[in-house]
Amino acid sequence: METHNLRFKQVNKAAGELMSERKHVFSPISHTHPIAEETSLPLGWDYWEQYDRRFIEMCDEMYILMLDGWEDSIGVQAEIKIAKELGKKITYIDKLQNDFESVKKQPKSSFL
């Protein structure tokens, strides 16, 4: 499986786990990527920046799922920068280290 599709599935699974705990989650890759592909919208950060910024503004905190390539992702790094500018709490989740269980217990709306 191609790396991009694997990350897409992993993020969707993590978002679903949080949603099953009654958390309000917005995940850009989960919510916008399929729409972009079906409608021929651009996939790049330049197009989605304002959209993601608005959702970051509404969230209580941001969770970063530390999957392969997250440190090199233009979008993820830009979203982190926006969250810091807005004073949002950022939680880094290494799912392989089971950090995810503690996040599921927090009662917040989040941007994943």
PDB file of N, CA and C in Angstrom:
ATOM      1  N   MET A   1       0.852  -1.191   0.000  1.00  0.00           N
ATOM      2  CA  MET A   1       0.000   0.000   0.000  1.00  0.00           C
ATOM      3  C   MET A   1       0.888   1.242   0.000  1.00  0.00           C
ATOM      4  N   GLU A   2       0.518   2.187  -0.800  1.00  0.00           N
ATOM      5  CA  GLU A   2       1.262   3.433  -0.907  1.00  0.00           C
ATOM      6  C   GLU A   2       1.241   4.170   0.437  1.00  0.00           C
ATOM      7  N   THR A   3       2.347   4.843   0.767  1.00  0.00           N
ATOM      8  CA  THR A   3       2.505   5.505   2.069  1.00  0.00           C
ATOM      9  C   THR A   3       1.379   6.491   2.349  1.00  0.00           C
ATOM     10  N   HIS A   4       1.011   7.288   1.358  1.00  0.00           N
ATOM     11  CA  HIS A   4      -0.037   8.294   1.551  1.00  0.00           C
ATOM     12  C   HIS A   4      -1.365   7.633   1.950  1.00  0.00           C
ATOM     13  N   ASN A   5      -1.729   6.570   1.262  1.00  0.00           N
ATOM     14  CA  ASN A   5      -2.980   5.872   1.581  1.00  0.00           C
ATOM     15  C   ASN A   5      -2.925   5.223   2.956  1.00  0.00           C
ATOM     16  N   LEU A   6      -1.755   4.699   3.336  1.00  0.00           N
ATOM     17  CA  LEU A   6      -1.607   4.101   4.656  1.00  0.00           C
ATOM     18  C   LEU A   6      -1.803   5.156   5.743  1.00  0.00           C
ATOM     19  N   ARG A   7      -1.182   6.324   5.579  1.00  0.00           N
ATOM     20  CA  ARG A   7      -1.354   7.403   6.557  1.00  0.00           C
ATOM     21  C   ARG A   7      -2.814   7.857   6.618  1.00  0.00           C
ATOM     22  N   PHE A   8      -3.455   7.956   5.459  1.00  0.00           N
ATOM     23  CA  PHE A   8      -4.864   8.334   5.394  1.00  0.00           C
ATOM     24  C   PHE A   8      -5.701   7.374   6.238  1.00  0.00           C
ATOM     25  N   LYS A   9      -5.478   6.093   6.079  1.00  0.00           N
ATOM     26  CA  LYS A   9      -6.228   5.090   6.838  1.00  0.00           C
ATOM     27  C   LYS A   9      -5.912   5.166   8.333  1.00  0.00           C
ATOM     28  N   GLN A  10      -4.636   5.385   8.685  1.00  0.00           N
ATOM     29  CA  GLN A  10      -4.252   5.465  10.098  1.00  0.00           C
ATOM     30  C   GLN A  10      -4.884   6.681  10.781  1.00  0.00           C
ATOM     31  N   VAL A  11      -4.886   7.813  10.085  1.00  0.00           N
ATOM     32  CA  VAL A  11      -5.492   9.015  10.661  1.00  0.00           C
ATOM     33  C   VAL A  11      -6.999   8.832  10.793  1.00  0.00           C
ATOM     34  N   ASN A  12      -7.638   8.247   9.782  1.00  0.00           N
ATOM     35  CA  ASN A  12      -9.077   7.993   9.864  1.00  0.00           C
ATOM     36  C   ASN A  12      -9.398   7.096  11.061  1.00  0.00           C
ATOM     37  N   LYS A  13      -8.590   6.086  11.271  1.00  0.00           N
ATOM     38  CA  LYS A  13      -8.810   5.173  12.402  1.00  0.00           C
ATOM     39  C   LYS A  13      -8.664   5.914  13.729  1.00  0.00           C
ATOM     40  N   ALA A  14      -7.627   6.744  13.842  1.00  0.00           N
ATOM     41  CA  ALA A  14      -7.420   7.509  15.076  1.00  0.00           C
ATOM     42  C   ALA A  14      -8.581   8.477  15.308  1.00  0.00           C
ATOM     43  N   ALA A  15      -9.022   9.162  14.261  1.00  0.00           N
ATOM     44  CA  ALA A  15     -10.155  10.083  14.392  1.00  0.00           C
ATOM     45  C   ALA A  15     -11.406   9.320  14.824  1.00  0.00           C
ATOM     46  N   GLY A  16     -11.616   8.166  14.222  1.00  0.00           N
ATOM     47  CA  GLY A  16     -12.769   7.343  14.586  1.00  0.00           C
ATOM     48  C   GLY A  16     -12.727   6.894  16.039  1.00  0.00           C
ATOM     49  N   GLU A  17     -11.542   6.556  16.525  1.00  0.00           N
ATOM     50  CA  GLU A  17     -11.411   6.155  17.926  1.00  0.00           C
ATOM     51  C   GLU A  17     -11.778   7.306  18.853  1.00  0.00           C
ATOM     52  N   LEU A  18     -11.326   8.513  18.513  1.00  0.00           N
ATOM     53  CA  LEU A  18     -11.668   9.678  19.331  1.00  0.00           C
ATOM     54  C   LEU A  18     -13.168   9.969  19.254  1.00  0.00           C
ATOM     55  N   MET A  19     -13.738   9.854  18.064  1.00  0.00           N
ATOM     56  CA  MET A  19     -15.170  10.089  17.903  1.00  0.00           C
ATOM     57  C   MET A  19     -15.992   9.061  18.687  1.00  0.00           C
ATOM     58  N   SER A  20     -15.493   7.837  18.768  1.00  0.00           N
ATOM     59  CA  SER A  20     -16.216   6.809  19.523  1.00  0.00           C
ATOM     60  C   SER A  20     -16.230   7.124  21.015  1.00  0.00           C
ATOM     61  N   GLU A  21     -15.323   7.985  21.443  1.00  0.00           N
ATOM     62  CA  GLU A  21     -15.278   8.447  22.831  1.00  0.00           C
ATOM     63  C   GLU A  21     -16.065   9.748  23.011  1.00  0.00           C
ATOM     64  N   ARG A  22     -16.871  10.093  22.001  1.00  0.00           N
ATOM     65  CA  ARG A  22     -17.705  11.297  22.005  1.00  0.00           C
ATOM     66  C   ARG A  22     -16.890  12.584  21.937  1.00  0.00           C
ATOM     67  N   LYS A  23     -15.737  12.533  21.310  1.00  0.00           N
ATOM     68  CA  LYS A  23     -14.922  13.729  21.112  1.00  0.00           C
ATOM     69  C   LYS A  23     -15.317  14.363  19.783  1.00  0.00           C
ATOM     70  N   HIS A  24     -15.279  15.668  19.714  1.00  0.00           N
ATOM     71  CA  HIS A  24     -15.544  16.391  18.475  1.00  0.00           C
ATOM     72  C   HIS A  24     -14.209  16.556  17.759  1.00  0.00           C
ATOM     73  N   VAL A  25     -14.071  15.912  16.636  1.00  0.00           N
ATOM     74  CA  VAL A  25     -12.784  15.845  15.933  1.00  0.00           C
ATOM     75  C   VAL A  25     -12.923  16.405  14.528  1.00  0.00           C
ATOM     76  N   PHE A  26     -11.954  17.221  14.140  1.00  0.00           N
ATOM     77  CA  PHE A  26     -11.803  17.607  12.745  1.00  0.00           C
ATOM     78  C   PHE A  26     -10.433  17.135  12.297  1.00  0.00           C
ATOM     79  N   SER A  27     -10.396  16.357  11.260  1.00  0.00           N
ATOM     80  CA  SER A  27      -9.142  15.862  10.696  1.00  0.00           C
ATOM     81  C   SER A  27      -9.083  16.298   9.235  1.00  0.00           C
ATOM     82  N   PRO A  28      -8.163  17.212   8.903  1.00  0.00           N
ATOM     83  CA  PRO A  28      -8.124  17.732   7.532  1.00  0.00           C
ATOM     84  C   PRO A  28      -8.008  16.644   6.470  1.00  0.00           C
ATOM     85  N   ILE A  29      -7.144  15.682   6.694  1.00  0.00           N
ATOM     86  CA  ILE A  29      -6.966  14.644   5.678  1.00  0.00           C
ATOM     87  C   ILE A  29      -8.227  13.787   5.550  1.00  0.00           C
ATOM     88  N   SER A  30      -8.899  13.550   6.670  1.00  0.00           N
ATOM     89  CA  SER A  30     -10.115  12.734   6.647  1.00  0.00           C
ATOM     90  C   SER A  30     -11.302  13.483   6.048  1.00  0.00           C
ATOM     91  N   HIS A  31     -11.417  14.755   6.382  1.00  0.00           N
ATOM     92  CA  HIS A  31     -12.593  15.524   5.986  1.00  0.00           C
ATOM     93  C   HIS A  31     -12.470  16.209   4.627  1.00  0.00           C
ATOM     94  N   THR A  32     -11.283  16.584   4.233  1.00  0.00           N
ATOM     95  CA  THR A  32     -11.170  17.363   2.996  1.00  0.00           C
ATOM     96  C   THR A  32     -10.549  16.617   1.820  1.00  0.00           C
ATOM     97  N   HIS A  33      -9.659  15.697   2.095  1.00  0.00           N
ATOM     98  CA  HIS A  33      -8.970  15.002   1.003  1.00  0.00           C
ATOM     99  C   HIS A  33      -9.935  14.237   0.092  1.00  0.00           C
ATOM    100  N   PRO A  34     -10.865  13.460   0.644  1.00  0.00           N
ATOM    101  CA  PRO A  34     -11.808  12.756  -0.240  1.00  0.00           C
ATOM    102  C   PRO A  34     -12.657  13.722  -1.072  1.00  0.00           C
ATOM    103  N   ILE A  35     -13.036  14.844  -0.477  1.00  0.00           N
ATOM    104  CA  ILE A  35     -13.821  15.839  -1.211  1.00  0.00           C
ATOM    105  C   ILE A  35     -12.988  16.413  -2.357  1.00  0.00           C
ATOM    106  N   ALA A  36     -11.739  16.728  -2.056  1.00  0.00           N
ATOM    107  CA  ALA A  36     -10.858  17.282  -3.096  1.00  0.00           C
ATOM    108  C   ALA A  36     -10.681  16.295  -4.249  1.00  0.00           C
ATOM    109  N   GLU A  37     -10.507  15.033  -3.921  1.00  0.00           N
ATOM    110  CA  GLU A  37     -10.312  14.036  -4.975  1.00  0.00           C
ATOM    111  C   GLU A  37     -11.567  13.851  -5.827  1.00  0.00           C
ATOM    112  N   GLU A  38     -12.733  13.891  -5.214  1.00  0.00           N
ATOM    113  CA  GLU A  38     -13.978  13.677  -5.952  1.00  0.00           C
ATOM    114  C   GLU A  38     -14.388  14.882  -6.791  1.00  0.00           C
ATOM    115  N   THR A  39     -13.901  16.052  -6.437  1.00  0.00           N
ATOM    116  CA  THR A  39     -14.330  17.272  -7.114  1.00  0.00           C
ATOM    117  C   THR A  39     -13.212  17.959  -7.880  1.00  0.00           C
ATOM    118  N   SER A  40     -12.062  17.369  -7.903  1.00  0.00           N
ATOM    119  CA  SER A  40     -10.897  17.945  -8.590  1.00  0.00           C
ATOM    120  C   SER A  40     -10.424  19.243  -7.955  1.00  0.00           C
ATOM    121  N   LEU A  41     -10.707  19.439  -6.655  1.00  0.00           N
ATOM    122  CA  LEU A  41     -10.143  20.581  -5.943  1.00  0.00           C
ATOM    123  C   LEU A  41      -8.657  20.337  -5.743  1.00  0.00           C
ATOM    124  N   PRO A  42      -7.886  21.389  -5.573  1.00  0.00           N
ATOM    125  CA  PRO A  42      -6.453  21.208  -5.326  1.00  0.00           C
ATOM    126  C   PRO A  42      -6.209  20.448  -4.024  1.00  0.00           C
ATOM    127  N   LEU A  43      -5.095  19.737  -3.963  1.00  0.00           N
ATOM    128  CA  LEU A  43      -4.729  18.994  -2.761  1.00  0.00           C
ATOM    129  C   LEU A  43      -3.708  19.749  -1.913  1.00  0.00           C
ATOM    130  N   GLY A  44      -3.110  20.794  -2.445  1.00  0.00           N
ATOM    131  CA  GLY A  44      -2.004  21.483  -1.777  1.00  0.00           C
ATOM    132  C   GLY A  44      -2.420  22.420  -0.661  1.00  0.00           C
ATOM    133  N   TRP A  45      -1.449  22.698   0.196  1.00  0.00           N
ATOM    134  CA  TRP A  45      -1.644  23.552   1.355  1.00  0.00           C
ATOM    135  C   TRP A  45      -2.118  24.939   0.962  1.00  0.00           C
ATOM    136  N   ASP A  46      -1.632  25.502  -0.111  1.00  0.00           N
ATOM    137  CA  ASP A  46      -2.020  26.857  -0.514  1.00  0.00           C
ATOM    138  C   ASP A  46      -3.537  27.009  -0.598  1.00  0.00           C
ATOM    139  N   TYR A  47      -4.188  25.993  -1.090  1.00  0.00           N
ATOM    140  CA  TYR A  47      -5.641  26.045  -1.231  1.00  0.00           C
ATOM    141  C   TYR A  47      -6.346  25.868   0.116  1.00  0.00           C
ATOM    142  N   TRP A  48      -5.853  24.972   0.954  1.00  0.00           N
ATOM    143  CA  TRP A  48      -6.564  24.565   2.168  1.00  0.00           C
ATOM    144  C   TRP A  48      -6.184  25.350   3.420  1.00  0.00           C
ATOM    145  N   GLU A  49      -5.201  26.234   3.333  1.00  0.00           N
ATOM    146  CA  GLU A  49      -4.717  26.941   4.525  1.00  0.00           C
ATOM    147  C   GLU A  49      -5.831  27.692   5.258  1.00  0.00           C
ATOM    148  N   GLN A  50      -6.599  28.501   4.567  1.00  0.00           N
ATOM    149  CA  GLN A  50      -7.644  29.285   5.246  1.00  0.00           C
ATOM    150  C   GLN A  50      -8.708  28.376   5.861  1.00  0.00           C
ATOM    151  N   TYR A  51      -9.022  27.308   5.187  1.00  0.00           N
ATOM    152  CA  TYR A  51     -10.009  26.360   5.676  1.00  0.00           C
ATOM    153  C   TYR A  51      -9.522  25.719   6.981  1.00  0.00           C
ATOM    154  N   ASP A  52      -8.274  25.217   6.961  1.00  0.00           N
ATOM    155  CA  ASP A  52      -7.717  24.576   8.156  1.00  0.00           C
ATOM    156  C   ASP A  52      -7.566  25.573   9.295  1.00  0.00           C
ATOM    157  N   ARG A  53      -7.151  26.794   8.969  1.00  0.00           N
ATOM    158  CA  ARG A  53      -6.983  27.823   9.997  1.00  0.00           C
ATOM    159  C   ARG A  53      -8.295  28.039  10.758  1.00  0.00           C
ATOM    160  N   ARG A  54      -9.395  28.090  10.043  1.00  0.00           N
ATOM    161  CA  ARG A  54     -10.690  28.317  10.696  1.00  0.00           C
ATOM    162  C   ARG A  54     -11.027  27.199  11.663  1.00  0.00           C
ATOM    163  N   PHE A  55     -10.753  25.976  11.284  1.00  0.00           N
ATOM    164  CA  PHE A  55     -11.039  24.854  12.179  1.00  0.00           C
ATOM    165  C   PHE A  55     -10.083  24.844  13.372  1.00  0.00           C
ATOM    166  N   ILE A  56      -8.838  25.210  13.165  1.00  0.00           N
ATOM    167  CA  ILE A  56      -7.892  25.287  14.285  1.00  0.00           C
ATOM    168  C   ILE A  56      -8.370  26.341  15.278  1.00  0.00           C
ATOM    169  N   GLU A  57      -8.878  27.454  14.771  1.00  0.00           N
ATOM    170  CA  GLU A  57      -9.411  28.503  15.653  1.00  0.00           C
ATOM    171  C   GLU A  57     -10.530  27.967  16.539  1.00  0.00           C
ATOM    172  N   MET A  58     -11.347  27.077  16.027  1.00  0.00           N
ATOM    173  CA  MET A  58     -12.494  26.557  16.775  1.00  0.00           C
ATOM    174  C   MET A  58     -12.132  25.435  17.746  1.00  0.00           C
ATOM    175  N   CYS A  59     -10.994  24.819  17.574  1.00  0.00           N
ATOM    176  CA  CYS A  59     -10.625  23.666  18.399  1.00  0.00           C
ATOM    177  C   CYS A  59     -10.026  24.083  19.736  1.00  0.00           C
ATOM    178  N   ASP A  60     -10.185  23.193  20.707  1.00  0.00           N
ATOM    179  CA  ASP A  60      -9.566  23.404  22.016  1.00  0.00           C
ATOM    180  C   ASP A  60      -8.076  23.091  21.974  1.00  0.00           C
ATOM    181  N   GLU A  61      -7.734  22.071  21.215  1.00  0.00           N
ATOM    182  CA  GLU A  61      -6.326  21.701  21.115  1.00  0.00           C
ATOM    183  C   GLU A  61      -6.076  20.925  19.838  1.00  0.00           C
ATOM    184  N   MET A  62      -4.808  20.765  19.524  1.00  0.00           N
ATOM    185  CA  MET A  62      -4.412  20.042  18.322  1.00  0.00           C
ATOM    186  C   MET A  62      -3.648  18.791  18.732  1.00  0.00           C
ATOM    187  N   TYR A  63      -3.999  17.685  18.094  1.00  0.00           N
ATOM    188  CA  TYR A  63      -3.268  16.439  18.282  1.00  0.00           C
ATOM    189  C   TYR A  63      -2.470  16.181  17.011  1.00  0.00           C
ATOM    190  N   ILE A  64      -1.209  15.862  17.178  1.00  0.00           N
ATOM    191  CA  ILE A  64      -0.362  15.495  16.049  1.00  0.00           C
ATOM    192  C   ILE A  64      -0.081  14.008  16.155  1.00  0.00           C
ATOM    193  N   LEU A  65      -0.605  13.256  15.210  1.00  0.00           N
ATOM    194  CA  LEU A  65      -0.343  11.826  15.149  1.00  0.00           C
ATOM    195  C   LEU A  65       0.995  11.644  14.437  1.00  0.00           C
ATOM    196  N   MET A  66       1.981  11.186  15.162  1.00  0.00           N
ATOM    197  CA  MET A  66       3.357  11.134  14.669  1.00  0.00           C
ATOM    198  C   MET A  66       3.583   9.902  13.779  1.00  0.00           C
ATOM    199  N   LEU A  67       3.032   9.978  12.577  1.00  0.00           N
ATOM    200  CA  LEU A  67       3.206   8.916  11.590  1.00  0.00           C
ATOM    201  C   LEU A  67       4.420   9.227  10.731  1.00  0.00           C
ATOM    202  N   ASP A  68       4.910   8.233  10.018  1.00  0.00           N
ATOM    203  CA  ASP A  68       6.049   8.463   9.130  1.00  0.00           C
ATOM    204  C   ASP A  68       5.776   9.662   8.235  1.00  0.00           C
ATOM    205  N   GLY A  69       6.708  10.613   8.229  1.00  0.00           N
ATOM    206  CA  GLY A  69       6.617  11.770   7.345  1.00  0.00           C
ATOM    207  C   GLY A  69       5.973  13.000   7.952  1.00  0.00           C
ATOM    208  N   TRP A  70       5.451  12.918   9.182  1.00  0.00           N
ATOM    209  CA  TRP A  70       4.764  14.073   9.756  1.00  0.00           C
ATOM    210  C   TRP A  70       5.690  15.281   9.896  1.00  0.00           C
ATOM    211  N   GLU A  71       6.954  15.037  10.180  1.00  0.00           N
ATOM    212  CA  GLU A  71       7.902  16.143  10.351  1.00  0.00           C
ATOM    213  C   GLU A  71       8.224  16.838   9.036  1.00  0.00           C
ATOM    214  N   ASP A  72       8.017  16.153   7.922  1.00  0.00           N
ATOM    215  CA  ASP A  72       8.320  16.707   6.602  1.00  0.00           C
ATOM    216  C   ASP A  72       7.081  17.239   5.881  1.00  0.00           C
ATOM    217  N   SER A  73       5.918  17.050   6.468  1.00  0.00           N
ATOM    218  CA  SER A  73       4.675  17.481   5.839  1.00  0.00           C
ATOM    219  C   SER A  73       4.526  18.998   5.906  1.00  0.00           C
ATOM    220  N   ILE A  74       4.405  19.625   4.749  1.00  0.00           N
ATOM    221  CA  ILE A  74       4.216  21.074   4.699  1.00  0.00           C
ATOM    222  C   ILE A  74       2.942  21.458   5.444  1.00  0.00           C
ATOM    223  N   GLY A  75       1.860  20.719   5.207  1.00  0.00           N
ATOM    224  CA  GLY A  75       0.590  21.030   5.847  1.00  0.00           C
ATOM    225  C   GLY A  75       0.626  20.860   7.352  1.00  0.00           C
ATOM    226  N   VAL A  76       1.167  19.752   7.823  1.00  0.00           N
ATOM    227  CA  VAL A  76       1.227  19.507   9.270  1.00  0.00           C
ATOM    228  C   VAL A  76       2.076  20.576   9.953  1.00  0.00           C
ATOM    229  N   GLN A  77       3.219  20.888   9.380  1.00  0.00           N
ATOM    230  CA  GLN A  77       4.087  21.898   9.993  1.00  0.00           C
ATOM    231  C   GLN A  77       3.422  23.270  10.002  1.00  0.00           C
ATOM    232  N   ALA A  78       2.703  23.598   8.936  1.00  0.00           N
ATOM    233  CA  ALA A  78       1.996  24.880   8.887  1.00  0.00           C
ATOM    234  C   ALA A  78       0.860  24.910   9.907  1.00  0.00           C
ATOM    235  N   GLU A  79       0.158  23.796  10.070  1.00  0.00           N
ATOM    236  CA  GLU A  79      -0.927  23.721  11.052  1.00  0.00           C
ATOM    237  C   GLU A  79      -0.380  23.867  12.476  1.00  0.00           C
ATOM    238  N   ILE A  80       0.770  23.280  12.736  1.00  0.00           N
ATOM    239  CA  ILE A  80       1.414  23.428  14.051  1.00  0.00           C
ATOM    240  C   ILE A  80       1.743  24.892  14.295  1.00  0.00           C
ATOM    241  N   LYS A  81       2.276  25.540  13.289  1.00  0.00           N
ATOM    242  CA  LYS A  81       2.624  26.962  13.413  1.00  0.00           C
ATOM    243  C   LYS A  81       1.386  27.805  13.721  1.00  0.00           C
ATOM    244  N   ILE A  82       0.293  27.544  13.020  1.00  0.00           N
ATOM    245  CA  ILE A  82      -0.957  28.274  13.267  1.00  0.00           C
ATOM    246  C   ILE A  82      -1.445  28.021  14.689  1.00  0.00           C
ATOM    247  N   ALA A  83      -1.436  26.771  15.122  1.00  0.00           N
ATOM    248  CA  ALA A  83      -1.885  26.437  16.475  1.00  0.00           C
ATOM    249  C   ALA A  83      -1.050  27.166  17.529  1.00  0.00           C
ATOM    250  N   LYS A  84       0.255  27.228  17.308  1.00  0.00           N
ATOM    251  CA  LYS A  84       1.126  27.947  18.249  1.00  0.00           C
ATOM    252  C   LYS A  84       0.796  29.436  18.256  1.00  0.00           C
ATOM    253  N   GLU A  85       0.586  30.013  17.063  1.00  0.00           N
ATOM    254  CA  GLU A  85       0.222  31.430  16.970  1.00  0.00           C
ATOM    255  C   GLU A  85      -1.064  31.726  17.728  1.00  0.00           C
ATOM    256  N   LEU A  86      -1.981  30.786  17.708  1.00  0.00           N
ATOM    257  CA  LEU A  86      -3.277  30.952  18.371  1.00  0.00           C
ATOM    258  C   LEU A  86      -3.251  30.525  19.839  1.00  0.00           C
ATOM    259  N   GLY A  87      -2.108  30.064  20.306  1.00  0.00           N
ATOM    260  CA  GLY A  87      -1.970  29.663  21.701  1.00  0.00           C
ATOM    261  C   GLY A  87      -2.686  28.358  22.039  1.00  0.00           C
ATOM    262  N   LYS A  88      -2.876  27.498  21.041  1.00  0.00           N
ATOM    263  CA  LYS A  88      -3.547  26.215  21.265  1.00  0.00           C
ATOM    264  C   LYS A  88      -2.568  25.204  21.861  1.00  0.00           C
ATOM    265  N   LYS A  89      -3.080  24.373  22.726  1.00  0.00           N
ATOM    266  CA  LYS A  89      -2.286  23.271  23.257  1.00  0.00           C
ATOM    267  C   LYS A  89      -2.064  22.272  22.130  1.00  0.00           C
ATOM    268  N   ILE A  90      -0.852  21.759  22.028  1.00  0.00           N
ATOM    269  CA  ILE A  90      -0.525  20.760  21.013  1.00  0.00           C
ATOM    270  C   ILE A  90      -0.055  19.506  21.727  1.00  0.00           C
ATOM    271  N   THR A  91      -0.687  18.385  21.418  1.00  0.00           N
ATOM    272  CA  THR A  91      -0.311  17.103  21.987  1.00  0.00           C
ATOM    273  C   THR A  91       0.215  16.221  20.864  1.00  0.00           C
ATOM    274  N   TYR A  92       1.415  15.719  21.046  1.00  0.00           N
ATOM    275  CA  TYR A  92       2.031  14.834  20.056  1.00  0.00           C
ATOM    276  C   TYR A  92       1.759  13.396  20.467  1.00  0.00           C
ATOM    277  N   ILE A  93       1.205  12.633  19.556  1.00  0.00           N
ATOM    278  CA  ILE A  93       0.798  11.261  19.853  1.00  0.00           C
ATOM    279  C   ILE A  93       1.648  10.289  19.064  1.00  0.00           C
ATOM    280  N   ASP A  94       2.369   9.458  19.788  1.00  0.00           N
ATOM    281  CA  ASP A  94       3.101   8.355  19.164  1.00  0.00           C
ATOM    282  C   ASP A  94       2.252   7.116  19.393  1.00  0.00           C
ATOM    283  N   LYS A  95       1.410   6.801  18.427  1.00  0.00           N
ATOM    284  CA  LYS A  95       0.454   5.709  18.605  1.00  0.00           C
ATOM    285  C   LYS A  95       1.166   4.394  18.913  1.00  0.00           C
ATOM    286  N   LEU A  96       2.361   4.233  18.375  1.00  0.00           N
ATOM    287  CA  LEU A  96       3.111   3.007  18.626  1.00  0.00           C
ATOM    288  C   LEU A  96       3.519   2.894  20.091  1.00  0.00           C
ATOM    289  N   GLN A  97       3.628   4.039  20.772  1.00  0.00           N
ATOM    290  CA  GLN A  97       4.019   4.036  22.180  1.00  0.00           C
ATOM    291  C   GLN A  97       2.797   4.064  23.100  1.00  0.00           C
ATOM    292  N   ASN A  98       1.608   3.918  22.520  1.00  0.00           N
ATOM    293  CA  ASN A  98       0.360   3.887  23.271  1.00  0.00           C
ATOM    294  C   ASN A  98       0.026   5.220  23.937  1.00  0.00           C
ATOM    295  N   ASP A  99       0.543   6.331  23.399  1.00  0.00           N
ATOM    296  CA  ASP A  99       0.188   7.654  23.897  1.00  0.00           C
ATOM    297  C   ASP A  99      -1.279   7.964  23.645  1.00  0.00           C
ATOM    298  N   PHE A 100      -1.880   7.267  22.724  1.00  0.00           N
ATOM    299  CA  PHE A 100      -3.233   7.548  22.283  1.00  0.00           C
ATOM    300  C   PHE A 100      -4.262   7.301  23.382  1.00  0.00           C
ATOM    301  N   GLU A 101      -4.033   6.354  24.253  1.00  0.00           N
ATOM    302  CA  GLU A 101      -5.007   6.041  25.304  1.00  0.00           C
ATOM    303  C   GLU A 101      -5.238   7.220  26.238  1.00  0.00           C
ATOM    304  N   SER A 102      -4.192   7.971  26.580  1.00  0.00           N
ATOM    305  CA  SER A 102      -4.378   9.114  27.474  1.00  0.00           C
ATOM    306  C   SER A 102      -5.135  10.238  26.781  1.00  0.00           C
ATOM    307  N   VAL A 103      -4.960  10.391  25.493  1.00  0.00           N
ATOM    308  CA  VAL A 103      -5.660  11.423  24.737  1.00  0.00           C
ATOM    309  C   VAL A 103      -7.156  11.132  24.696  1.00  0.00           C
ATOM    310  N   LYS A 104      -7.523   9.874  24.563  1.00  0.00           N
ATOM    311  CA  LYS A 104      -8.931   9.505  24.464  1.00  0.00           C
ATOM    312  C   LYS A 104      -9.706   9.881  25.731  1.00  0.00           C
ATOM    313  N   LYS A 105      -9.031  10.050  26.841  1.00  0.00           N
ATOM    314  CA  LYS A 105      -9.689  10.363  28.100  1.00  0.00           C
ATOM    315  C   LYS A 105      -9.927  11.856  28.297  1.00  0.00           C
ATOM    316  N   GLN A 106      -9.381  12.695  27.427  1.00  0.00           N
ATOM    317  CA  GLN A 106      -9.505  14.154  27.582  1.00  0.00           C
ATOM    318  C   GLN A 106     -10.783  14.653  26.924  1.00  0.00           C
ATOM    319  N   PRO A 107     -11.612  15.440  27.643  1.00  0.00           N
ATOM    320  CA  PRO A 107     -12.884  15.915  27.098  1.00  0.00           C
ATOM    321  C   PRO A 107     -12.754  17.211  26.313  1.00  0.00           C
ATOM    322  N   LYS A 108     -12.315  17.142  25.068  1.00  0.00           N
ATOM    323  CA  LYS A 108     -12.087  18.349  24.287  1.00  0.00           C
ATOM    324  C   LYS A 108     -12.499  18.148  22.848  1.00  0.00           C
ATOM    325  N   SER A 109     -12.611  19.267  22.145  1.00  0.00           N
ATOM    326  CA  SER A 109     -12.740  19.177  20.695  1.00  0.00           C
ATOM    327  C   SER A 109     -11.334  19.320  20.139  1.00  0.00           C
ATOM    328  N   SER A 110     -11.055  18.629  19.073  1.00  0.00           N
ATOM    329  CA  SER A 110      -9.673  18.584  18.631  1.00  0.00           C
ATOM    330  C   SER A 110      -9.544  18.615  17.129  1.00  0.00           C
ATOM    331  N   PHE A 111      -8.363  18.982  16.717  1.00  0.00           N
ATOM    332  CA  PHE A 111      -7.946  19.040  15.331  1.00  0.00           C
ATOM    333  C   PHE A 111      -6.856  17.988  15.204  1.00  0.00           C
ATOM    334  N   LEU A 112      -7.096  16.951  14.416  1.00  0.00           N
ATOM    335  CA  LEU A 112      -6.157  15.825  14.328  1.00  0.00           C
ATOM    336  C   LEU A 112      -5.533  15.789  12.954  1.00  0.00           C
TER     337      LEU A 112
END
